[in-house]
Protein backbone atom coordinates (compact mmCIF):
# COMPACT_ATOMS: atom_id res chain seq x y z
CA MET A 1 2.64 -18.44 -34.27
CA ASP A 2 4.17 -21.63 -35.09
CA ALA A 3 3.24 -24.47 -33.08
CA THR A 4 6.68 -26.07 -33.45
CA TRP A 5 7.87 -25.69 -29.39
CA ASP A 6 11.32 -27.04 -27.86
CA VAL A 7 9.81 -28.51 -24.77
CA GLU A 8 13.21 -29.33 -22.82
CA GLY A 9 14.29 -25.55 -23.74
CA PHE A 10 11.03 -24.21 -22.54
CA ARG A 11 11.49 -26.68 -19.04
CA SER A 12 14.69 -25.06 -18.76
CA ARG A 13 13.30 -21.71 -19.13
CA VAL A 14 10.75 -22.51 -16.23
CA GLN A 15 13.62 -23.71 -14.46
CA ALA A 16 15.90 -20.83 -14.26
CA ALA A 17 13.13 -18.40 -13.72
CA LEU A 18 12.45 -20.78 -10.85
CA THR A 19 16.15 -20.90 -9.71
CA ASP A 20 16.12 -16.59 -10.21
CA ALA A 21 12.78 -16.68 -7.99
CA LEU A 22 14.37 -18.24 -5.25
CA ASP A 23 17.53 -16.69 -4.92
CA GLY A 24 15.88 -13.37 -4.50
CA GLN A 25 13.91 -15.02 -1.94
CA ALA A 26 17.29 -16.39 -0.36
CA GLU A 27 18.69 -12.86 -0.15
CA ARG A 28 15.69 -11.68 1.63
CA LEU A 29 16.05 -13.84 4.08
CA SER A 30 19.39 -14.11 4.66
CA PRO A 31 19.32 -12.22 7.68
CA LEU A 32 17.45 -15.30 9.21
CA GLY A 33 20.63 -16.98 9.09
CA ALA A 34 20.98 -20.76 8.78
CA ASP A 35 17.54 -22.14 9.11
CA ALA A 36 16.11 -20.20 6.76
CA GLU A 37 18.67 -21.04 4.31
CA ARG A 38 17.62 -24.98 5.46
CA LEU A 39 14.24 -23.94 4.70
CA VAL A 40 15.00 -22.41 0.82
CA ALA A 41 17.38 -25.02 -0.05
CA GLN A 42 14.68 -27.40 0.71
CA ALA A 43 12.43 -25.31 -1.65
CA ARG A 44 14.88 -25.64 -4.20
CA THR A 45 14.72 -29.44 -4.02
CA SER A 46 10.55 -29.17 -4.05
CA VAL A 47 10.90 -27.55 -7.50
CA ALA A 48 13.31 -29.20 -9.38
CA GLY A 49 12.82 -31.75 -12.01
CA GLY A 50 9.03 -32.78 -13.21
CA LYS A 51 7.40 -32.40 -16.35
CA MET A 52 6.17 -28.79 -15.87
CA PHE A 53 2.69 -29.46 -17.68
CA ARG A 54 1.00 -26.55 -15.39
CA ALA A 55 3.79 -23.88 -16.66
CA SER A 56 3.43 -25.36 -20.10
CA PHE A 57 -0.58 -25.04 -20.49
CA GLY A 58 -0.03 -21.42 -19.02
CA TRP A 59 2.27 -20.98 -21.71
CA TRP A 60 -0.31 -22.16 -24.36
CA GLY A 61 -2.86 -21.14 -22.67
CA TYR A 62 -1.40 -17.25 -23.46
CA ARG A 63 -0.33 -18.24 -26.98
CA ALA A 64 -3.75 -19.34 -27.84
CA VAL A 65 -5.10 -15.53 -27.55
CA ALA A 66 -1.69 -13.77 -28.56
CA ALA A 67 2.08 -13.66 -29.22
CA PRO A 68 4.02 -12.51 -25.95
CA THR A 69 5.54 -9.27 -26.29
CA ASP A 70 7.81 -10.06 -23.15
CA GLU A 71 8.47 -13.79 -23.16
CA ASP A 72 10.41 -13.68 -20.05
CA ALA A 73 7.89 -11.89 -18.10
CA VAL A 74 5.23 -14.50 -19.03
CA ILE A 75 8.08 -17.34 -18.23
CA ARG A 76 7.78 -16.24 -14.54
CA ALA A 77 4.09 -15.93 -14.60
CA CYS A 78 4.15 -19.92 -15.73
CA ALA A 79 6.92 -20.44 -13.20
CA SER A 80 4.33 -19.21 -10.37
CA LEU A 81 2.37 -22.37 -11.45
CA GLU A 82 5.21 -24.41 -10.39
CA LEU A 83 5.60 -23.26 -7.05
CA LEU A 84 1.86 -23.82 -6.57
CA HIS A 85 2.07 -27.21 -7.53
CA ALA A 86 5.26 -27.85 -5.32
CA SER A 87 3.36 -26.33 -2.51
CA ALA A 88 0.44 -28.65 -3.29
CA LEU A 89 3.06 -31.48 -3.55
CA VAL A 90 5.00 -30.56 -0.09
CA HIS A 91 1.61 -30.89 1.74
CA ASP A 92 0.09 -33.53 0.11
CA ASP A 93 3.37 -35.75 1.26
CA LEU A 94 2.89 -34.67 4.71
CA MET A 95 -0.88 -35.86 4.76
CA ASP A 96 -0.48 -38.81 3.14
CA ALA A 97 2.38 -39.79 5.18
CA SER A 98 4.19 -40.12 1.96
CA ASP A 99 7.89 -41.41 2.17
CA THR A 100 9.29 -39.89 -1.70
CA ARG A 101 9.01 -37.73 -3.88
CA ARG A 102 10.43 -37.97 -7.42
CA GLY A 103 13.07 -40.27 -5.83
CA ASN A 104 14.09 -38.17 -2.94
CA PRO A 105 12.49 -37.89 0.34
CA ALA A 106 9.58 -35.82 0.92
CA THR A 107 10.14 -32.57 2.89
CA HIS A 108 8.65 -34.08 6.21
CA ARG A 109 11.23 -36.65 6.28
CA HIS A 110 14.16 -34.36 4.92
CA PHE A 111 13.36 -32.37 8.16
CA GLU A 112 12.60 -35.40 10.45
CA SER A 113 16.12 -36.90 9.05
CA GLU A 114 17.88 -33.27 9.81
CA HIS A 115 16.49 -33.28 13.65
CA ARG A 116 17.22 -37.03 14.48
CA ALA A 117 20.86 -36.44 12.61
CA SER A 118 21.72 -33.65 14.82
CA GLY A 119 19.95 -34.59 17.95
CA TRP A 120 17.73 -32.51 18.75
CA ARG A 121 15.19 -32.33 21.73
CA GLY A 122 12.07 -32.76 20.76
CA ASN A 123 9.82 -35.24 18.45
CA PRO A 124 11.80 -35.57 15.18
CA GLU A 125 8.33 -36.68 13.14
CA GLN A 126 6.43 -33.30 14.73
CA TYR A 127 9.74 -31.18 13.27
CA GLY A 128 9.29 -32.47 10.05
CA ALA A 129 5.73 -31.94 10.21
CA ALA A 130 6.17 -28.55 10.98
CA GLY A 131 8.86 -28.09 8.54
CA ALA A 132 6.84 -29.22 5.46
CA ILE A 133 3.57 -27.16 6.41
CA LEU A 134 5.96 -24.41 6.79
CA LEU A 135 7.38 -24.68 3.41
CA GLY A 136 4.47 -25.42 1.59
CA ASP A 137 2.72 -22.41 2.85
CA LEU A 138 5.80 -20.33 2.09
CA LEU A 139 5.59 -22.20 -1.59
CA LEU A 140 2.10 -20.95 -1.88
CA SER A 141 2.78 -17.31 -0.59
CA TRP A 142 5.76 -17.17 -3.27
CA SER A 143 3.72 -18.66 -5.94
CA GLU A 144 1.57 -15.51 -6.28
CA GLU A 145 3.97 -13.17 -5.42
CA LEU A 146 6.04 -14.64 -8.53
CA LEU A 147 2.63 -13.92 -10.58
CA ARG A 148 1.96 -10.33 -9.24
CA ARG A 149 5.82 -9.39 -9.89
CA CYS A 150 6.19 -11.16 -13.08
CA GLY A 151 6.76 -8.06 -15.13
CA LEU A 152 3.71 -7.89 -17.25
CA PRO A 153 1.16 -4.67 -16.81
CA PHE A 154 -0.81 -5.24 -13.50
CA ASP A 155 -4.10 -4.43 -16.23
CA ALA A 156 -2.95 -7.70 -17.41
CA VAL A 157 -2.12 -9.65 -14.31
CA TYR A 158 -4.92 -8.56 -12.52
CA PRO A 159 -7.45 -10.73 -14.57
CA ALA A 160 -5.27 -13.63 -14.22
CA LEU A 161 -4.93 -13.20 -10.32
CA ALA A 162 -8.79 -13.28 -9.85
CA VAL A 163 -8.29 -17.15 -12.03
CA PHE A 164 -5.15 -17.62 -9.58
CA ASP A 165 -7.38 -17.08 -6.43
CA LEU A 166 -9.86 -19.68 -7.69
CA CYS A 167 -7.38 -22.27 -8.72
CA ARG A 168 -5.72 -22.14 -5.06
CA SER A 169 -9.11 -21.96 -3.25
CA GLU A 170 -10.15 -24.96 -5.57
CA VAL A 171 -7.01 -26.94 -4.87
CA ILE A 172 -6.88 -26.66 -1.24
CA THR A 173 -10.70 -26.97 -0.28
CA GLY A 174 -10.71 -30.46 -2.56
CA GLN A 175 -7.43 -32.03 -0.48
CA PHE A 176 -9.72 -31.40 2.29
CA LEU A 177 -12.36 -33.47 0.55
CA ASP A 178 -9.41 -36.19 0.06
CA VAL A 179 -8.24 -36.35 3.26
CA SER A 180 -12.36 -36.35 4.79
CA VAL A 181 -13.03 -39.15 2.23
CA GLN A 182 -10.10 -41.25 3.58
CA ALA A 183 -10.88 -40.52 6.91
CA ARG A 184 -14.55 -41.84 6.21
CA GLY A 185 -13.05 -45.16 4.69
CA ARG A 186 -15.65 -44.96 1.59
CA ALA A 187 -16.26 -43.03 -1.62
CA ASP A 188 -18.71 -43.75 -4.27
CA VAL A 189 -17.85 -42.95 -7.80
CA ASP A 190 -19.17 -39.70 -7.99
CA THR A 191 -17.22 -38.54 -4.90
CA ALA A 192 -14.08 -39.70 -6.14
CA MET A 193 -14.81 -38.35 -9.35
CA THR A 194 -15.73 -34.70 -7.38
CA VAL A 195 -12.51 -35.19 -5.85
CA LEU A 196 -10.12 -35.69 -8.39
CA ARG A 197 -11.85 -33.05 -10.06
CA TYR A 198 -11.03 -30.26 -7.50
CA LYS A 199 -7.98 -31.54 -6.20
CA SER A 200 -5.63 -32.16 -9.30
CA ALA A 201 -7.94 -31.53 -12.69
CA LYS A 202 -8.67 -28.03 -12.56
CA TYR A 203 -5.70 -26.66 -10.79
CA SER A 204 -3.19 -28.98 -13.65
CA ILE A 205 -4.91 -27.99 -16.68
CA GLU A 206 -8.13 -26.03 -16.60
CA ARG A 207 -7.05 -23.24 -14.59
CA PRO A 208 -3.53 -22.96 -15.99
CA LEU A 209 -4.77 -22.79 -19.23
CA GLN A 210 -7.12 -19.80 -18.01
CA ILE A 211 -4.57 -17.96 -16.24
CA GLY A 212 -2.43 -17.84 -19.15
CA ALA A 213 -5.07 -16.61 -21.43
CA ALA A 214 -5.99 -13.80 -18.89
CA LEU A 215 -2.77 -12.63 -19.31
CA SER A 216 -2.79 -12.25 -22.56
CA GLY A 217 -6.09 -10.52 -22.65
CA GLY A 218 -8.54 -13.44 -23.19
CA THR A 219 -12.24 -12.59 -23.09
CA GLN A 220 -14.39 -14.59 -20.87
CA GLN A 221 -15.60 -16.84 -24.26
CA HIS A 222 -11.56 -17.89 -24.43
CA LEU A 223 -11.47 -18.91 -20.84
CA ALA A 224 -14.80 -21.12 -21.35
CA GLU A 225 -13.75 -22.60 -24.78
CA LEU A 226 -10.28 -23.25 -22.86
CA SER A 227 -12.19 -24.97 -19.89
CA ALA A 228 -13.87 -27.05 -22.28
CA PHE A 229 -10.87 -28.74 -23.57
CA GLY A 230 -8.85 -28.40 -20.01
CA LEU A 231 -11.31 -30.00 -17.76
CA PRO A 232 -12.06 -33.33 -19.23
CA LEU A 233 -8.48 -33.36 -20.01
CA GLY A 234 -7.47 -32.65 -16.19
CA GLU A 235 -9.75 -35.50 -15.49
CA ALA A 236 -8.07 -37.67 -17.75
CA PHE A 237 -4.84 -36.78 -16.57
CA GLN A 238 -5.55 -37.70 -12.55
CA LEU A 239 -7.37 -40.80 -13.80
CA ARG A 240 -3.98 -41.80 -15.48
CA ASP A 241 -2.42 -40.97 -12.24
CA ASP A 242 -4.47 -42.61 -10.55
CA LEU A 243 -3.45 -45.97 -12.47
CA LEU A 244 0.18 -45.15 -12.27
CA GLY A 245 -0.30 -44.94 -8.19
CA VAL A 246 -1.27 -48.68 -8.57
CA PHE A 247 0.18 -50.07 -11.57
CA GLY A 248 3.57 -47.72 -11.90
CA ASP A 249 6.97 -49.00 -12.15
CA PRO A 250 8.44 -48.06 -9.15
CA ALA A 251 11.79 -47.37 -10.91
CA VAL A 252 10.01 -45.12 -13.51
CA THR A 253 7.66 -43.10 -11.03
CA GLY A 254 10.16 -42.82 -7.93
CA LYS A 255 7.18 -43.82 -5.46
CA PRO A 256 7.14 -47.91 -4.05
CA ALA A 257 4.99 -50.14 -5.81
CA GLY A 258 0.81 -49.76 -5.21
CA ASP A 259 1.51 -46.44 -3.40
CA ASP A 260 -1.70 -45.38 -3.33
CA LEU A 261 -3.10 -48.45 -2.28
CA ILE A 262 -0.89 -48.34 0.83
CA GLU A 263 -2.03 -44.63 1.27
CA GLY A 264 -5.64 -45.86 1.31
CA LYS A 265 -6.68 -43.82 -1.65
CA ARG A 266 -10.03 -43.88 -2.43
CA THR A 267 -9.70 -42.96 -6.31
CA VAL A 268 -12.13 -43.60 -9.01
CA LEU A 269 -10.15 -46.89 -9.84
CA VAL A 270 -10.54 -48.41 -6.25
CA ALA A 271 -14.13 -47.51 -6.35
CA LEU A 272 -15.23 -48.94 -9.39
CA ALA A 273 -13.13 -51.79 -8.76
CA LEU A 274 -15.33 -52.15 -5.07
CA ASP A 275 -18.74 -51.75 -6.57
CA ALA A 276 -17.44 -54.66 -9.24
CA ALA A 277 -15.59 -57.49 -7.83
CA PRO A 278 -16.81 -60.32 -6.01
CA PRO A 279 -17.92 -59.61 -2.53
CA ALA A 280 -15.22 -61.66 -1.11
CA ASP A 281 -12.38 -59.99 -2.65
CA ALA A 282 -13.95 -56.72 -2.50
CA ALA A 283 -13.59 -57.09 0.91
CA LYS A 284 -10.38 -58.04 0.97
CA LEU A 285 -9.22 -54.92 -1.12
CA ASP A 286 -11.20 -52.65 1.27
CA ALA A 287 -9.45 -53.71 4.29
CA ALA A 288 -5.93 -53.93 2.72
CA LEU A 289 -6.48 -50.20 1.82
CA GLY A 290 -4.20 -47.77 3.98
CA THR A 291 -2.10 -51.06 5.77
CA ARG A 292 1.12 -52.23 4.96
CA LEU A 293 1.92 -54.45 2.29
CA SER A 294 4.27 -56.48 0.79
CA VAL A 295 5.08 -56.79 -2.89
CA ALA A 296 3.33 -59.73 -3.00
CA GLU A 297 0.00 -58.52 -1.47
CA VAL A 298 -0.04 -55.36 -3.44
CA GLU A 299 0.16 -57.56 -6.40
CA ARG A 300 -2.84 -59.47 -5.09
CA LEU A 301 -4.81 -56.25 -4.76
CA ARG A 302 -3.69 -55.44 -8.19
CA THR A 303 -4.93 -58.62 -9.63
CA ILE A 304 -8.47 -58.14 -7.74
CA ILE A 305 -8.79 -54.82 -9.50
CA ASP A 306 -7.90 -56.10 -12.77
CA GLU A 307 -10.16 -58.90 -12.58
CA SER A 308 -12.86 -56.78 -11.28
CA GLY A 309 -12.58 -54.80 -15.02
CA ALA A 310 -12.21 -51.58 -13.34
CA HIS A 311 -8.72 -51.02 -14.51
CA GLU A 312 -9.90 -51.29 -18.16
CA GLN A 313 -12.88 -48.93 -17.41
CA VAL A 314 -10.80 -46.40 -16.09
CA GLU A 315 -8.51 -46.94 -19.07
CA GLN A 316 -11.75 -46.41 -21.56
CA VAL A 317 -13.12 -43.09 -19.17
CA ILE A 318 -9.69 -41.60 -20.13
CA GLU A 319 -9.88 -42.00 -23.88
CA HIS A 320 -13.47 -41.07 -24.00
CA LEU A 321 -12.47 -37.71 -22.01
CA ALA A 322 -9.19 -37.15 -24.06
CA ASP A 323 -11.58 -37.41 -27.21
CA LEU A 324 -13.98 -34.58 -24.98
CA ALA A 325 -11.62 -32.65 -24.47
CA LEU A 326 -10.15 -32.59 -28.32
CA THR A 327 -13.55 -31.65 -29.56
CA GLY A 328 -13.86 -28.75 -27.54
CA LEU A 329 -10.30 -27.69 -28.76
CA ASP A 330 -11.30 -28.07 -32.22
CA LYS A 331 -14.30 -26.06 -31.74
CA ALA A 332 -12.27 -22.99 -29.76
CA ASP A 333 -11.63 -19.88 -31.32
CA ILE A 334 -8.15 -19.75 -30.38
CA ASP A 335 -5.03 -19.80 -32.30
CA ASP A 336 -4.06 -22.60 -35.17
CA GLY A 337 -0.85 -23.25 -33.76
CA ALA A 338 -1.44 -23.04 -29.78
CA ARG A 339 -4.19 -25.58 -30.98
CA GLU A 340 -1.56 -28.13 -32.19
CA ALA A 341 0.81 -27.59 -29.59
CA LEU A 342 -2.12 -28.03 -27.02
CA ARG A 343 -3.65 -31.14 -28.92
CA GLY A 344 0.30 -32.29 -28.45
CA LEU A 345 -0.16 -31.97 -24.67
CA ALA A 346 -3.33 -33.90 -24.44
CA GLY A 347 -1.27 -36.89 -25.53
CA ALA A 348 1.61 -36.44 -23.40
CA VAL A 349 -0.38 -35.77 -20.31
CA THR A 350 -2.86 -38.87 -21.06
CA GLN A 351 -0.30 -41.25 -22.29
CA ARG A 352 2.46 -40.63 -19.91
CA VAL A 353 4.32 -43.78 -17.39
CA VAL A 354 5.69 -41.22 -14.99
């Protein structure tokens, strides 16, 4: 197989598959009227843009084992992973009380604003929360439906559905671990890594790879070898995301400066900083998490994290995990063209700025 890959062309094909899927859902829901149209319109916003990493890993997980005989069907299967991702983001933004997503109002804020603008009865915040919960549930349902109906034979889809089922259970339970950690207001490094692994790392890279491989008839050995690559890479991916959540440029990320600090995220980065910072600085960081912070206060907390050595330590862990992933990739018995494409994706997810 040729590892040369038209990345933008692939993303366009996935976006087209998502548009087609949502067009079909809109037609099915049209008898429900204008409110259903509003819900589908927000679904379209939730799947627009993004890097489509999950679809990409699904595609190359498939091609690691075999060349697709029906590319459009495989694209639809990969697009289902982006619906799953959109579902997780809609729910995550609500739970984190985030205001924006990719530069747009978060789903709950969007519905909240519609309620206010229309002068409806009741609580706008509660309406927004209800809308986000229901849209996230709908996207989750549609993700499984799109995979199941992607157009590949059911005997090919069935093994992938088993991985998909596990993936959904992991990410939802991982999300509950995360909100529980925030509620307790403490997390050591091991606990933070467990949250990271199940809330994000597995469903971002490891499971999409395995779903793609399962669709193409991959063996348990294929799935295990792709896991040896995908799991450490997924952890490195999320650690990079954690750094961006504190040090990212709002103009690039579409999120406020220090967004993870304002939301009170007990990430690996924060856990390391709390362990290593002088007691007074650690107390200041701990007390500030989850509060409204000015730009100057965010900058002060960034300095505490930097001076504790946590920032550099996380960079080193990312590098170590990326090396571990690439070692696993080199050992995997997969197509060499797919191996090179996956090597390129590994660099993209660990070195990104958004």
